[in-house]
PDB file of N, CA and C in Angstrom:
ATOM      1  N   MET A   1      -3.788  45.276   2.135  1.00  0.00           N
ATOM      2  CA  MET A   1      -2.407  44.538   1.209  1.00  0.00           C
ATOM      3  C   MET A   1      -1.870  43.546   2.425  1.00  0.00           C
ATOM      4  N   GLN A   2      -2.539  44.151   3.752  1.00  0.00           N
ATOM      5  CA  GLN A   2      -1.810  42.662   5.091  1.00  0.00           C
ATOM      6  C   GLN A   2      -2.772  41.711   4.543  1.00  0.00           C
ATOM      7  N   ARG A   3      -3.778  42.026   4.481  1.00  0.00           N
ATOM      8  CA  ARG A   3      -5.023  40.935   4.156  1.00  0.00           C
ATOM      9  C   ARG A   3      -4.603  39.955   3.515  1.00  0.00           C
ATOM     10  N   PHE A   4      -4.240  40.507   2.210  1.00  0.00           N
ATOM     11  CA  PHE A   4      -3.993  39.724   1.365  1.00  0.00           C
ATOM     12  C   PHE A   4      -2.952  38.699   1.353  1.00  0.00           C
ATOM     13  N   TYR A   5      -1.801  39.184   1.908  1.00  0.00           N
ATOM     14  CA  TYR A   5      -0.657  38.628   2.287  1.00  0.00           C
ATOM     15  C   TYR A   5      -1.245  37.123   3.418  1.00  0.00           C
ATOM     16  N   THR A   6      -2.148  37.765   4.342  1.00  0.00           N
ATOM     17  CA  THR A   6      -2.319  36.636   5.251  1.00  0.00           C
ATOM     18  C   THR A   6      -2.997  35.712   4.645  1.00  0.00           C
ATOM     19  N   TYR A   7      -4.134  36.031   3.386  1.00  0.00           N
ATOM     20  CA  TYR A   7      -5.095  35.378   3.006  1.00  0.00           C
ATOM     21  C   TYR A   7      -3.794  34.143   1.928  1.00  0.00           C
ATOM     22  N   ALA A   8      -3.051  34.897   1.284  1.00  0.00           N
ATOM     23  CA  ALA A   8      -2.061  34.071   0.528  1.00  0.00           C
ATOM     24  C   ALA A   8      -1.485  32.935   1.131  1.00  0.00           C
ATOM     25  N   ASN A   9      -1.422  33.646   2.371  1.00  0.00           N
ATOM     26  CA  ASN A   9      -0.301  32.448   3.235  1.00  0.00           C
ATOM     27  C   ASN A   9      -1.023  31.404   4.278  1.00  0.00           C
ATOM     28  N   THR A  10      -2.363  31.871   3.826  1.00  0.00           N
ATOM     29  CA  THR A  10      -3.198  30.344   4.715  1.00  0.00           C
ATOM     30  C   THR A  10      -3.590  29.592   3.494  1.00  0.00           C
ATOM     31  N   LYS A  11      -3.477  29.954   2.367  1.00  0.00           N
ATOM     32  CA  LYS A  11      -4.333  29.090   1.586  1.00  0.00           C
ATOM     33  C   LYS A  11      -3.200  28.440   0.804  1.00  0.00           C
ATOM     34  N   ILE A  12      -1.401  29.176   1.099  1.00  0.00           N
ATOM     35  CA  ILE A  12      -0.303  28.525   0.710  1.00  0.00           C
ATOM     36  C   ILE A  12      -0.106  26.690   1.855  1.00  0.00           C
ATOM     37  N   GLU A  13      -0.457  27.490   3.038  1.00  0.00           N
ATOM     38  CA  GLU A  13      -0.034  26.378   3.918  1.00  0.00           C
ATOM     39  C   GLU A  13      -1.542  24.861   3.508  1.00  0.00           C
ATOM     40  N   GLU A  14      -2.706  25.635   3.216  1.00  0.00           N
ATOM     41  CA  GLU A  14      -3.408  24.779   2.823  1.00  0.00           C
ATOM     42  C   GLU A  14      -2.999  23.558   1.846  1.00  0.00           C
ATOM     43  N   LEU A  15      -2.708  24.721   0.888  1.00  0.00           N
ATOM     44  CA  LEU A  15      -2.206  23.563  -0.168  1.00  0.00           C
ATOM     45  C   LEU A  15      -0.898  22.954   0.008  1.00  0.00           C
ATOM     46  N   ASP A  16      -0.148  23.339   1.144  1.00  0.00           N
ATOM     47  CA  ASP A  16       1.166  22.446   1.058  1.00  0.00           C
ATOM     48  C   ASP A  16       0.940  21.345   2.131  1.00  0.00           C
ATOM     49  N   THR A  17      -0.362  21.101   3.102  1.00  0.00           N
ATOM     50  CA  THR A  17      -0.840  20.297   3.563  1.00  0.00           C
ATOM     51  C   THR A  17      -1.556  19.296   2.878  1.00  0.00           C
ATOM     52  N   LYS A  18      -2.290  19.769   1.477  1.00  0.00           N
ATOM     53  CA  LYS A  18      -2.879  18.881   0.729  1.00  0.00           C
ATOM     54  C   LYS A  18      -1.446  18.071   0.181  1.00  0.00           C
ATOM     55  N   ARG A  19      -0.475  18.634  -0.176  1.00  0.00           N
ATOM     56  CA  ARG A  19       0.616  18.239  -1.357  1.00  0.00           C
ATOM     57  C   ARG A  19       0.763  17.339  -0.452  1.00  0.00           C
ATOM     58  N   GLN A  20       1.647  17.567   0.321  1.00  0.00           N
ATOM     59  CA  GLN A  20       2.254  16.679   1.472  1.00  0.00           C
ATOM     60  C   GLN A  20       1.361  15.194   1.701  1.00  0.00           C
ATOM     61  N   SER A  21       0.084  15.025   1.897  1.00  0.00           N
ATOM     62  CA  SER A  21      -0.815  13.971   1.968  1.00  0.00           C
ATOM     63  C   SER A  21      -1.136  13.370   0.772  1.00  0.00           C
ATOM     64  N   LEU A  22      -0.617  13.556  -0.531  1.00  0.00           N
ATOM     65  CA  LEU A  22      -0.827  13.098  -1.491  1.00  0.00           C
ATOM     66  C   LEU A  22       0.390  12.858  -1.811  1.00  0.00           C
ATOM     67  N   SER A  23       1.445  13.467  -1.599  1.00  0.00           N
ATOM     68  CA  SER A  23       2.648  12.755  -1.742  1.00  0.00           C
ATOM     69  C   SER A  23       2.927  11.349  -0.970  1.00  0.00           C
ATOM     70  N   LYS A  24       2.195  11.368   0.112  1.00  0.00           N
ATOM     71  CA  LYS A  24       2.261  10.198   1.364  1.00  0.00           C
ATOM     72  C   LYS A  24       1.540   9.193   0.499  1.00  0.00           C
ATOM     73  N   ALA A  25       0.617   9.498   0.452  1.00  0.00           N
ATOM     74  CA  ALA A  25      -0.640   8.390  -0.495  1.00  0.00           C
ATOM     75  C   ALA A  25       0.267   8.037  -1.571  1.00  0.00           C
ATOM     76  N   ILE A  26       0.731   8.536  -2.430  1.00  0.00           N
ATOM     77  CA  ILE A  26       1.529   8.151  -3.578  1.00  0.00           C
ATOM     78  C   ILE A  26       2.741   7.260  -3.126  1.00  0.00           C
ATOM     79  N   ALA A  27       3.538   7.434  -2.034  1.00  0.00           N
ATOM     80  CA  ALA A  27       4.207   6.732  -1.650  1.00  0.00           C
ATOM     81  C   ALA A  27       4.074   5.639  -0.884  1.00  0.00           C
ATOM     82  N   ASP A  28       2.844   5.694  -0.238  1.00  0.00           N
ATOM     83  CA  ASP A  28       2.519   4.241   0.001  1.00  0.00           C
ATOM     84  C   ASP A  28       1.689   3.131  -0.875  1.00  0.00           C
ATOM     85  N   MET A  29       1.430   3.754  -1.833  1.00  0.00           N
ATOM     86  CA  MET A  29       0.629   2.975  -3.410  1.00  0.00           C
ATOM     87  C   MET A  29       1.889   2.472  -3.448  1.00  0.00           C
ATOM     88  N   SER A  30       3.157   3.002  -3.912  1.00  0.00           N
ATOM     89  CA  SER A  30       4.300   3.088  -4.625  1.00  0.00           C
ATOM     90  C   SER A  30       5.164   1.515  -3.765  1.00  0.00           C
ATOM     91  N   ALA A  31       5.084   1.723  -2.166  1.00  0.00           N
ATOM     92  CA  ALA A  31       5.453   0.742  -1.876  1.00  0.00           C
ATOM     93  C   ALA A  31       5.079  -0.514  -1.711  1.00  0.00           C
ATOM     94  N   GLU A  32       4.237  -0.184  -2.224  1.00  0.00           N
ATOM     95  CA  GLU A  32       2.747  -1.813  -1.791  1.00  0.00           C
ATOM     96  C   GLU A  32       3.079  -2.303  -3.805  1.00  0.00           C
ATOM     97  N   ALA A  33       3.501  -1.810  -4.657  1.00  0.00           N
ATOM     98  CA  ALA A  33       3.253  -2.069  -5.562  1.00  0.00           C
ATOM     99  C   ALA A  33       4.344  -3.855  -5.349  1.00  0.00           C
ATOM    100  N   VAL A  34       4.097  -4.312  -6.878  1.00  0.00           N
ATOM    101  CA  VAL A  34       4.740  -5.373  -6.669  1.00  0.00           C
ATOM    102  C   VAL A  34       5.171  -5.855  -7.789  1.00  0.00           C
ATOM    103  N   SER A  35       6.545  -6.288  -7.931  1.00  0.00           N
ATOM    104  CA  SER A  35       7.034  -6.103  -9.222  1.00  0.00           C
ATOM    105  C   SER A  35       6.857  -7.325 -10.224  1.00  0.00           C
ATOM    106  N   PRO A  36       7.205  -7.498 -11.463  1.00  0.00           N
ATOM    107  CA  PRO A  36       7.057  -8.260 -12.041  1.00  0.00           C
ATOM    108  C   PRO A  36       8.189  -9.832 -11.645  1.00  0.00           C
ATOM    109  N   GLU A  37       9.130  -9.182 -11.440  1.00  0.00           N
ATOM    110  CA  GLU A  37      10.238 -10.178 -10.515  1.00  0.00           C
ATOM    111  C   GLU A  37       9.164 -11.203  -9.522  1.00  0.00           C
ATOM    112  N   HIS A  38       8.909 -10.278  -8.345  1.00  0.00           N
ATOM    113  CA  HIS A  38       8.674 -10.805  -7.495  1.00  0.00           C
ATOM    114  C   HIS A  38       6.881 -11.654  -7.709  1.00  0.00           C
ATOM    115  N   ILE A  39       6.101 -11.167  -8.517  1.00  0.00           N
ATOM    116  CA  ILE A  39       4.801 -12.109  -9.140  1.00  0.00           C
ATOM    117  C   ILE A  39       5.364 -13.222  -9.852  1.00  0.00           C
ATOM    118  N   LYS A  40       6.747 -13.246 -10.602  1.00  0.00           N
ATOM    119  CA  LYS A  40       7.148 -14.730 -11.008  1.00  0.00           C
ATOM    120  C   LYS A  40       7.686 -15.568  -9.609  1.00  0.00           C
ATOM    121  N   ARG A  41       8.162 -14.844  -9.070  1.00  0.00           N
ATOM    122  CA  ARG A  41       8.869 -15.735  -7.904  1.00  0.00           C
ATOM    123  C   ARG A  41       7.313 -15.978  -7.144  1.00  0.00           C
ATOM    124  N   ILE A  42       6.321 -15.620  -6.808  1.00  0.00           N
ATOM    125  CA  ILE A  42       5.229 -16.056  -6.041  1.00  0.00           C
ATOM    126  C   ILE A  42       4.475 -17.201  -6.953  1.00  0.00           C
ATOM    127  N   SER A  43       4.829 -17.026  -8.378  1.00  0.00           N
ATOM    128  CA  SER A  43       3.920 -18.126  -9.197  1.00  0.00           C
ATOM    129  C   SER A  43       4.455 -19.384  -9.000  1.00  0.00           C
ATOM    130  N   GLY A  44       5.669 -19.402  -8.860  1.00  0.00           N
ATOM    131  CA  GLY A  44       6.776 -20.776  -8.959  1.00  0.00           C
ATOM    132  C   GLY A  44       6.276 -21.223  -7.745  1.00  0.00           C
ATOM    133  N   TYR A  45       6.538 -20.336  -6.625  1.00  0.00           N
ATOM    134  CA  TYR A  45       5.532 -20.837  -5.408  1.00  0.00           C
ATOM    135  C   TYR A  45       4.303 -21.754  -5.254  1.00  0.00           C
ATOM    136  N   LEU A  46       3.115 -20.808  -5.912  1.00  0.00           N
ATOM    137  CA  LEU A  46       1.823 -21.376  -5.999  1.00  0.00           C
ATOM    138  C   LEU A  46       1.895 -22.712  -6.509  1.00  0.00           C
ATOM    139  N   GLN A  47       2.897 -23.062  -7.540  1.00  0.00           N
ATOM    140  CA  GLN A  47       2.598 -24.237  -8.708  1.00  0.00           C
ATOM    141  C   GLN A  47       2.989 -25.436  -7.567  1.00  0.00           C
ATOM    142  N   ASP A  48       3.778 -25.248  -6.620  1.00  0.00           N
ATOM    143  CA  ASP A  48       4.140 -25.965  -5.923  1.00  0.00           C
ATOM    144  C   ASP A  48       3.758 -25.879  -4.217  1.00  0.00           C
ATOM    145  N   TRP A  49       2.719 -25.155  -4.087  1.00  0.00           N
ATOM    146  CA  TRP A  49       2.135 -24.789  -2.834  1.00  0.00           C
ATOM    147  C   TRP A  49       2.592 -26.276  -1.965  1.00  0.00           C
ATOM    148  N   ASP A  50       2.001 -27.007  -2.134  1.00  0.00           N
ATOM    149  CA  ASP A  50       1.967 -28.515  -0.879  1.00  0.00           C
ATOM    150  C   ASP A  50       3.344 -28.326  -0.652  1.00  0.00           C
ATOM    151  N   ASN A  51       4.619 -28.375  -1.428  1.00  0.00           N
ATOM    152  CA  ASN A  51       5.453 -28.748  -1.006  1.00  0.00           C
ATOM    153  C   ASN A  51       6.369 -27.798  -0.853  1.00  0.00           C
ATOM    154  N   ILE A  52       6.349 -26.687  -0.517  1.00  0.00           N
ATOM    155  CA  ILE A  52       7.024 -25.501   0.077  1.00  0.00           C
ATOM    156  C   ILE A  52       6.798 -25.360   1.381  1.00  0.00           C
ATOM    157  N   SER A  53       7.820 -24.698   2.265  1.00  0.00           N
ATOM    158  CA  SER A  53       7.904 -24.294   3.835  1.00  0.00           C
ATOM    159  C   SER A  53       7.023 -23.630   4.140  1.00  0.00           C
ATOM    160  N   PHE A  54       6.876 -23.708   5.503  1.00  0.00           N
ATOM    161  CA  PHE A  54       5.585 -22.111   6.130  1.00  0.00           C
ATOM    162  C   PHE A  54       6.411 -21.175   5.917  1.00  0.00           C
ATOM    163  N   GLU A  55       7.739 -20.919   6.000  1.00  0.00           N
ATOM    164  CA  GLU A  55       7.972 -19.436   5.817  1.00  0.00           C
ATOM    165  C   GLU A  55       7.809 -18.914   4.151  1.00  0.00           C
ATOM    166  N   ASP A  56       8.097 -19.605   3.167  1.00  0.00           N
ATOM    167  CA  ASP A  56       7.853 -19.461   1.659  1.00  0.00           C
ATOM    168  C   ASP A  56       6.623 -19.192   1.991  1.00  0.00           C
ATOM    169  N   ARG A  57       5.587 -19.682   2.534  1.00  0.00           N
ATOM    170  CA  ARG A  57       4.429 -19.707   2.458  1.00  0.00           C
ATOM    171  C   ARG A  57       3.713 -18.131   2.816  1.00  0.00           C
ATOM    172  N   ARG A  58       4.763 -18.156   4.310  1.00  0.00           N
ATOM    173  CA  ARG A  58       4.303 -16.614   4.320  1.00  0.00           C
ATOM    174  C   ARG A  58       4.824 -15.459   3.584  1.00  0.00           C
ATOM    175  N   LEU A  59       6.299 -15.371   2.845  1.00  0.00           N
ATOM    176  CA  LEU A  59       6.766 -14.674   2.283  1.00  0.00           C
ATOM    177  C   LEU A  59       5.460 -14.517   0.916  1.00  0.00           C
ATOM    178  N   VAL A  60       4.878 -15.487   0.066  1.00  0.00           N
ATOM    179  CA  VAL A  60       3.907 -15.434  -0.619  1.00  0.00           C
ATOM    180  C   VAL A  60       2.781 -14.606  -0.419  1.00  0.00           C
ATOM    181  N   VAL A  61       2.252 -14.718   0.748  1.00  0.00           N
ATOM    182  CA  VAL A  61       0.849 -13.902   1.395  1.00  0.00           C
ATOM    183  C   VAL A  61       1.590 -12.289   1.357  1.00  0.00           C
ATOM    184  N   ASP A  62       2.464 -12.471   2.203  1.00  0.00           N
ATOM    185  CA  ASP A  62       3.118 -10.883   2.596  1.00  0.00           C
ATOM    186  C   ASP A  62       3.271 -10.310   0.917  1.00  0.00           C
ATOM    187  N   GLY A  63       3.674 -10.793   0.054  1.00  0.00           N
ATOM    188  CA  GLY A  63       3.623 -10.453  -1.269  1.00  0.00           C
ATOM    189  C   GLY A  63       2.250  -9.874  -1.602  1.00  0.00           C
ATOM    190  N   MET A  64       1.395 -10.824  -1.784  1.00  0.00           N
ATOM    191  CA  MET A  64       0.103 -10.673  -2.144  1.00  0.00           C
ATOM    192  C   MET A  64      -1.019 -10.109  -1.612  1.00  0.00           C
ATOM    193  N   ILE A  65      -1.055  -9.903  -0.109  1.00  0.00           N
ATOM    194  CA  ILE A  65      -1.716  -9.064   0.700  1.00  0.00           C
ATOM    195  C   ILE A  65      -1.459  -8.085   1.370  1.00  0.00           C
ATOM    196  N   SER A  66      -1.969  -7.085   1.696  1.00  0.00           N
ATOM    197  CA  SER A  66      -1.623  -5.631   2.247  1.00  0.00           C
ATOM    198  C   SER A  66      -2.339  -5.645   3.664  1.00  0.00           C
ATOM    199  N   LYS A  67      -3.217  -5.910   3.753  1.00  0.00           N
ATOM    200  CA  LYS A  67      -4.259  -6.084   4.915  1.00  0.00           C
ATOM    201  C   LYS A  67      -5.320  -7.233   4.828  1.00  0.00           C
ATOM    202  N   ILE A  68      -5.598  -7.750   6.126  1.00  0.00           N
ATOM    203  CA  ILE A  68      -6.788  -8.600   6.618  1.00  0.00           C
ATOM    204  C   ILE A  68      -7.452  -8.254   7.902  1.00  0.00           C
ATOM    205  N   GLN A  69      -8.384  -8.000   7.248  1.00  0.00           N
ATOM    206  CA  GLN A  69      -9.441  -7.489   8.749  1.00  0.00           C
ATOM    207  C   GLN A  69     -10.507  -8.477   8.777  1.00  0.00           C
ATOM    208  N   ALA A  70     -10.296  -9.354  10.077  1.00  0.00           N
ATOM    209  CA  ALA A  70     -11.724  -9.972  10.311  1.00  0.00           C
ATOM    210  C   ALA A  70     -11.921  -9.964  11.768  1.00  0.00           C
ATOM    211  N   THR A  71     -13.408 -10.235  11.407  1.00  0.00           N
ATOM    212  CA  THR A  71     -14.470  -9.937  13.002  1.00  0.00           C
ATOM    213  C   THR A  71     -15.346 -11.467  13.220  1.00  0.00           C
ATOM    214  N   GLY A  72     -16.025 -11.617  13.901  1.00  0.00           N
ATOM    215  CA  GLY A  72     -16.615 -12.584  13.826  1.00  0.00           C
ATOM    216  C   GLY A  72     -17.795 -13.140  12.865  1.00  0.00           C
ATOM    217  N   GLU A  73     -17.750 -12.128  12.215  1.00  0.00           N
ATOM    218  CA  GLU A  73     -18.956 -12.133  11.163  1.00  0.00           C
ATOM    219  C   GLU A  73     -18.090 -11.890   9.648  1.00  0.00           C
ATOM    220  N   ASN A  74     -17.204 -11.370   9.470  1.00  0.00           N
ATOM    221  CA  ASN A  74     -16.629 -10.874   7.845  1.00  0.00           C
ATOM    222  C   ASN A  74     -15.345 -11.088   8.009  1.00  0.00           C
ATOM    223  N   LEU A  75     -15.022 -11.421   7.037  1.00  0.00           N
ATOM    224  CA  LEU A  75     -13.623 -11.191   6.631  1.00  0.00           C
ATOM    225  C   LEU A  75     -13.032 -10.323   5.680  1.00  0.00           C
ATOM    226  N   GLN A  76     -12.102  -9.261   5.444  1.00  0.00           N
ATOM    227  CA  GLN A  76     -11.827  -8.674   4.293  1.00  0.00           C
ATOM    228  C   GLN A  76     -10.226  -8.591   4.157  1.00  0.00           C
ATOM    229  N   ILE A  77      -9.984  -8.982   2.946  1.00  0.00           N
ATOM    230  CA  ILE A  77      -8.467  -9.134   1.940  1.00  0.00           C
ATOM    231  C   ILE A  77      -8.007  -7.798   0.952  1.00  0.00           C
ATOM    232  N   ALA A  78      -7.220  -6.884   1.398  1.00  0.00           N
ATOM    233  CA  ALA A  78      -6.972  -5.930   1.013  1.00  0.00           C
ATOM    234  C   ALA A  78      -5.903  -6.743  -0.233  1.00  0.00           C
ATOM    235  N   TRP A  79      -5.702  -6.761  -1.433  1.00  0.00           N
ATOM    236  CA  TRP A  79      -5.185  -7.490  -2.442  1.00  0.00           C
ATOM    237  C   TRP A  79      -3.934  -6.554  -3.010  1.00  0.00           C
ATOM    238  N   LYS A  80      -2.915  -7.133  -2.573  1.00  0.00           N
ATOM    239  CA  LYS A  80      -1.667  -6.211  -3.845  1.00  0.00           C
ATOM    240  C   LYS A  80      -1.501  -6.331  -5.104  1.00  0.00           C
ATOM    241  N   VAL A  81      -2.096  -7.626  -5.533  1.00  0.00           N
ATOM    242  CA  VAL A  81      -2.039  -7.846  -6.850  1.00  0.00           C
ATOM    243  C   VAL A  81      -3.571  -7.586  -7.843  1.00  0.00           C
TER     244      VAL A  81
END
């Protein structure tokens, strides 16, 4: 009977670790989601790109891109939208 409890506890710990990992992944994806209001604001900036400030351009890029990886040979952009 003790073996059963040990096995059950081990499985519970494994499943809880997996649940925590999945919960974190869901939270990360939710944090990166772009709201319709933000998309509307970004669209306004994009229509007047040549006339907006550097800071506004940076905000637009922050709202559209989650990660940029650049090497001497390759550029990868992870888009939020």
